[in-house]
Amino acid sequence: MMKPNYGGSMTGLITIQSKYSVKETIDRLVQIVESKEMTVFARIDHAANAEKQGMQMRPTELVVFGNPKVGTFIMQDKQTSGIDLPLKALAWQDESGKVWLTHNDSKWLLNRHDLSVQVGPIIIKIEDAMNSLTALAAN
């Protein structure tokens, strides 16, 4: 049986511009994620960690979040998907001062992990949710 092609970006990343600072973008995303009763597993301030090492980096923060029930179902299909789960979003400031919010293209993960046809519709729902969550956080 041939698997459907759900498309997805060539790089596996989706990036949108945020009208907020890096910190505020991630604060907003965390608030939205928690309001949807998802779990925030970690928040990592890469710039602060760089500073602790005596290095400089433009503002860059990562949040790791998700729904363990949905993630477990996907990982039961292919355990390698655990390298990309839980979901992640990275807010970062470029050299011109613009702030961006980047996340994995969930559809790209279908091919990367050779996920089964049964997982396809779930991945589509995840991608729709990620696009909605990040748009709300960035705008």
C-alpha atoms as a PDB file:
ATOM      1  CA  MET A   1       0.000   0.000   0.000  1.00  0.00           C
ATOM      2  CA  MET A   2       1.424   3.364  -1.010  1.00  0.00           C
ATOM      3  CA  LYS A   3       1.670   6.045   1.648  1.00  0.00           C
ATOM      4  CA  PRO A   4       0.088   9.416   0.953  1.00  0.00           C
ATOM      5  CA  ASN A   5       2.375  12.398   0.526  1.00  0.00           C
ATOM      6  CA  TYR A   6       1.282  15.100   2.945  1.00  0.00           C
ATOM      7  CA  GLY A   7       3.781  17.603   1.645  1.00  0.00           C
ATOM      8  CA  GLY A   8       5.776  19.707   4.042  1.00  0.00           C
ATOM      9  CA  SER A   9       8.682  22.100   3.760  1.00  0.00           C
ATOM     10  CA  MET A  10      11.949  21.003   2.176  1.00  0.00           C
ATOM     11  CA  THR A  11      13.983  21.996   5.236  1.00  0.00           C
ATOM     12  CA  GLY A  12      11.548  20.611   7.780  1.00  0.00           C
ATOM     13  CA  LEU A  13      11.239  24.047   9.400  1.00  0.00           C
ATOM     14  CA  ILE A  14       8.490  26.649   9.413  1.00  0.00           C
ATOM     15  CA  THR A  15       9.468  30.198  10.403  1.00  0.00           C
ATOM     16  CA  ILE A  16       7.248  33.227  10.937  1.00  0.00           C
ATOM     17  CA  GLN A  17       8.115  36.739  12.041  1.00  0.00           C
ATOM     18  CA  SER A  18       7.062  37.841  15.521  1.00  0.00           C
ATOM     19  CA  LYS A  19       6.123  41.387  16.420  1.00  0.00           C
ATOM     20  CA  TYR A  20       7.305  40.791  19.988  1.00  0.00           C
ATOM     21  CA  SER A  21      10.712  40.348  21.626  1.00  0.00           C
ATOM     22  CA  VAL A  22      12.128  36.834  21.911  1.00  0.00           C
ATOM     23  CA  LYS A  23      11.220  36.612  25.601  1.00  0.00           C
ATOM     24  CA  GLU A  24       7.719  37.973  25.090  1.00  0.00           C
ATOM     25  CA  THR A  25       7.119  35.651  22.120  1.00  0.00           C
ATOM     26  CA  ILE A  26       8.052  32.613  24.229  1.00  0.00           C
ATOM     27  CA  ASP A  27       6.089  33.950  27.230  1.00  0.00           C
ATOM     28  CA  ARG A  28       3.034  34.259  24.988  1.00  0.00           C
ATOM     29  CA  LEU A  29       3.549  30.789  23.512  1.00  0.00           C
ATOM     30  CA  VAL A  30       3.900  29.212  26.963  1.00  0.00           C
ATOM     31  CA  GLN A  31       0.713  30.927  28.125  1.00  0.00           C
ATOM     32  CA  ILE A  32      -1.199  29.729  25.048  1.00  0.00           C
ATOM     33  CA  VAL A  33       0.149  26.171  25.320  1.00  0.00           C
ATOM     34  CA  GLU A  34      -0.780  25.955  29.003  1.00  0.00           C
ATOM     35  CA  SER A  35      -4.263  27.354  28.279  1.00  0.00           C
ATOM     36  CA  LYS A  36      -4.725  24.426  25.858  1.00  0.00           C
ATOM     37  CA  GLU A  37      -3.841  22.028  28.712  1.00  0.00           C
ATOM     38  CA  MET A  38      -0.610  20.908  27.094  1.00  0.00           C
ATOM     39  CA  THR A  39       2.534  20.320  29.112  1.00  0.00           C
ATOM     40  CA  VAL A  40       5.544  22.638  28.990  1.00  0.00           C
ATOM     41  CA  PHE A  41       8.507  20.347  29.581  1.00  0.00           C
ATOM     42  CA  ALA A  42      11.342  22.864  29.313  1.00  0.00           C
ATOM     43  CA  ARG A  43      12.280  26.407  28.475  1.00  0.00           C
ATOM     44  CA  ILE A  44      15.870  27.024  27.447  1.00  0.00           C
ATOM     45  CA  ASP A  45      17.450  30.468  27.126  1.00  0.00           C
ATOM     46  CA  HIS A  46      20.365  29.789  24.778  1.00  0.00           C
ATOM     47  CA  ALA A  47      21.676  33.358  25.025  1.00  0.00           C
ATOM     48  CA  ALA A  48      21.772  33.210  28.840  1.00  0.00           C
ATOM     49  CA  ASN A  49      23.590  29.876  28.671  1.00  0.00           C
ATOM     50  CA  ALA A  50      26.096  31.343  26.201  1.00  0.00           C
ATOM     51  CA  GLU A  51      26.659  34.307  28.518  1.00  0.00           C
ATOM     52  CA  LYS A  52      27.469  31.924  31.396  1.00  0.00           C
ATOM     53  CA  GLN A  53      30.277  30.605  29.201  1.00  0.00           C
ATOM     54  CA  GLY A  54      31.588  34.079  28.464  1.00  0.00           C
ATOM     55  CA  MET A  55      30.144  34.009  24.949  1.00  0.00           C
ATOM     56  CA  GLN A  56      27.681  36.311  23.235  1.00  0.00           C
ATOM     57  CA  MET A  57      24.583  35.290  21.331  1.00  0.00           C
ATOM     58  CA  ARG A  58      21.585  37.257  20.149  1.00  0.00           C
ATOM     59  CA  PRO A  59      18.384  36.482  22.099  1.00  0.00           C
ATOM     60  CA  THR A  60      17.381  32.867  21.405  1.00  0.00           C
ATOM     61  CA  GLU A  61      14.902  30.832  23.465  1.00  0.00           C
ATOM     62  CA  LEU A  62      13.475  27.356  23.000  1.00  0.00           C
ATOM     63  CA  VAL A  63      10.320  25.933  24.532  1.00  0.00           C
ATOM     64  CA  VAL A  64       9.597  22.186  24.578  1.00  0.00           C
ATOM     65  CA  PHE A  65       5.957  21.218  24.990  1.00  0.00           C
ATOM     66  CA  GLY A  66       3.249  18.802  23.982  1.00  0.00           C
ATOM     67  CA  ASN A  67       0.570  16.318  24.861  1.00  0.00           C
ATOM     68  CA  PRO A  68       2.147  13.086  26.168  1.00  0.00           C
ATOM     69  CA  LYS A  69      -0.823  10.982  25.037  1.00  0.00           C
ATOM     70  CA  VAL A  70      -0.496  12.129  21.426  1.00  0.00           C
ATOM     71  CA  GLY A  71       3.306  11.971  21.451  1.00  0.00           C
ATOM     72  CA  THR A  72       3.283   8.470  22.900  1.00  0.00           C
ATOM     73  CA  PHE A  73       0.928   7.275  20.160  1.00  0.00           C
ATOM     74  CA  ILE A  74       3.321   8.605  17.502  1.00  0.00           C
ATOM     75  CA  MET A  75       6.371   7.125  19.235  1.00  0.00           C
ATOM     76  CA  GLN A  76       4.596   3.763  19.481  1.00  0.00           C
ATOM     77  CA  ASP A  77       4.407   3.855  15.686  1.00  0.00           C
ATOM     78  CA  LYS A  78       8.110   4.712  15.286  1.00  0.00           C
ATOM     79  CA  GLN A  79      10.290   5.224  18.328  1.00  0.00           C
ATOM     80  CA  THR A  80      12.755   7.337  16.354  1.00  0.00           C
ATOM     81  CA  SER A  81      10.134  10.102  16.325  1.00  0.00           C
ATOM     82  CA  GLY A  82      11.116  10.638  19.968  1.00  0.00           C
ATOM     83  CA  ILE A  83      14.120  12.605  18.694  1.00  0.00           C
ATOM     84  CA  ASP A  84      11.663  15.229  17.406  1.00  0.00           C
ATOM     85  CA  LEU A  85       9.052  14.919  20.151  1.00  0.00           C
ATOM     86  CA  PRO A  86       7.911  16.632  22.275  1.00  0.00           C
ATOM     87  CA  LEU A  87       7.170  19.619  20.070  1.00  0.00           C
ATOM     88  CA  LYS A  88       9.580  22.546  20.077  1.00  0.00           C
ATOM     89  CA  ALA A  89       9.484  26.191  19.090  1.00  0.00           C
ATOM     90  CA  LEU A  90      12.490  28.499  18.880  1.00  0.00           C
ATOM     91  CA  ALA A  91      12.238  32.289  19.085  1.00  0.00           C
ATOM     92  CA  TRP A  92      15.334  34.074  17.867  1.00  0.00           C
ATOM     93  CA  GLN A  93      16.527  37.535  16.927  1.00  0.00           C
ATOM     94  CA  ASP A  94      18.382  38.008  13.678  1.00  0.00           C
ATOM     95  CA  GLU A  95      21.276  40.392  13.027  1.00  0.00           C
ATOM     96  CA  SER A  96      18.892  43.192  11.999  1.00  0.00           C
ATOM     97  CA  GLY A  97      16.877  42.912  15.228  1.00  0.00           C
ATOM     98  CA  LYS A  98      13.851  41.110  13.758  1.00  0.00           C
ATOM     99  CA  VAL A  99      12.381  38.296  15.858  1.00  0.00           C
ATOM    100  CA  TRP A 100      11.381  34.983  14.332  1.00  0.00           C
ATOM    101  CA  LEU A 101       9.541  31.923  15.630  1.00  0.00           C
ATOM    102  CA  THR A 102      10.558  28.571  14.141  1.00  0.00           C
ATOM    103  CA  HIS A 103       9.134  25.077  14.607  1.00  0.00           C
ATOM    104  CA  ASN A 104       9.479  21.695  12.963  1.00  0.00           C
ATOM    105  CA  ASP A 105       7.191  21.045  10.028  1.00  0.00           C
ATOM    106  CA  SER A 106       5.163  18.167  11.455  1.00  0.00           C
ATOM    107  CA  LYS A 107       4.371  16.871   7.951  1.00  0.00           C
ATOM    108  CA  TRP A 108       8.097  16.616   7.245  1.00  0.00           C
ATOM    109  CA  LEU A 109       8.348  14.235  10.214  1.00  0.00           C
ATOM    110  CA  LEU A 110       6.100  11.724   8.410  1.00  0.00           C
ATOM    111  CA  ASN A 111       8.811  11.061   5.856  1.00  0.00           C
ATOM    112  CA  ARG A 112      11.730  11.506   8.225  1.00  0.00           C
ATOM    113  CA  HIS A 113      10.495   8.714  10.490  1.00  0.00           C
ATOM    114  CA  ASP A 114       8.555   6.712   7.905  1.00  0.00           C
ATOM    115  CA  LEU A 115       5.430   6.999  10.040  1.00  0.00           C
ATOM    116  CA  SER A 116       2.449   4.805   9.187  1.00  0.00           C
ATOM    117  CA  VAL A 117      -0.656   5.914   7.322  1.00  0.00           C
ATOM    118  CA  GLN A 118      -2.597   5.789  10.607  1.00  0.00           C
ATOM    119  CA  VAL A 119      -0.412   8.545  12.062  1.00  0.00           C
ATOM    120  CA  GLY A 120      -0.847  10.855   9.049  1.00  0.00           C
ATOM    121  CA  PRO A 121      -4.138  12.474  10.125  1.00  0.00           C
ATOM    122  CA  ILE A 122      -2.759  13.064  13.628  1.00  0.00           C
ATOM    123  CA  ILE A 123       0.321  14.767  12.195  1.00  0.00           C
ATOM    124  CA  ILE A 124      -1.924  17.021  10.106  1.00  0.00           C
ATOM    125  CA  LYS A 125      -3.851  18.023  13.246  1.00  0.00           C
ATOM    126  CA  ILE A 126      -0.565  18.687  15.065  1.00  0.00           C
ATOM    127  CA  GLU A 127       0.664  20.863  12.210  1.00  0.00           C
ATOM    128  CA  ASP A 128      -2.584  22.841  12.160  1.00  0.00           C
ATOM    129  CA  ALA A 129      -2.303  23.327  15.933  1.00  0.00           C
ATOM    130  CA  MET A 130       1.370  24.377  15.719  1.00  0.00           C
ATOM    131  CA  ASN A 131       0.609  26.905  12.989  1.00  0.00           C
ATOM    132  CA  SER A 132      -2.237  28.306  15.090  1.00  0.00           C
ATOM    133  CA  LEU A 133      -0.244  28.388  18.353  1.00  0.00           C
ATOM    134  CA  THR A 134       2.777  30.070  16.801  1.00  0.00           C
ATOM    135  CA  ALA A 135       0.643  32.603  14.890  1.00  0.00           C
ATOM    136  CA  LEU A 136      -1.118  33.569  18.128  1.00  0.00           C
ATOM    137  CA  ALA A 137       2.203  33.899  19.964  1.00  0.00           C
ATOM    138  CA  ALA A 138       3.877  35.940  17.226  1.00  0.00           C
ATOM    139  CA  ASN A 139       0.982  38.256  16.399  1.00  0.00           C
END
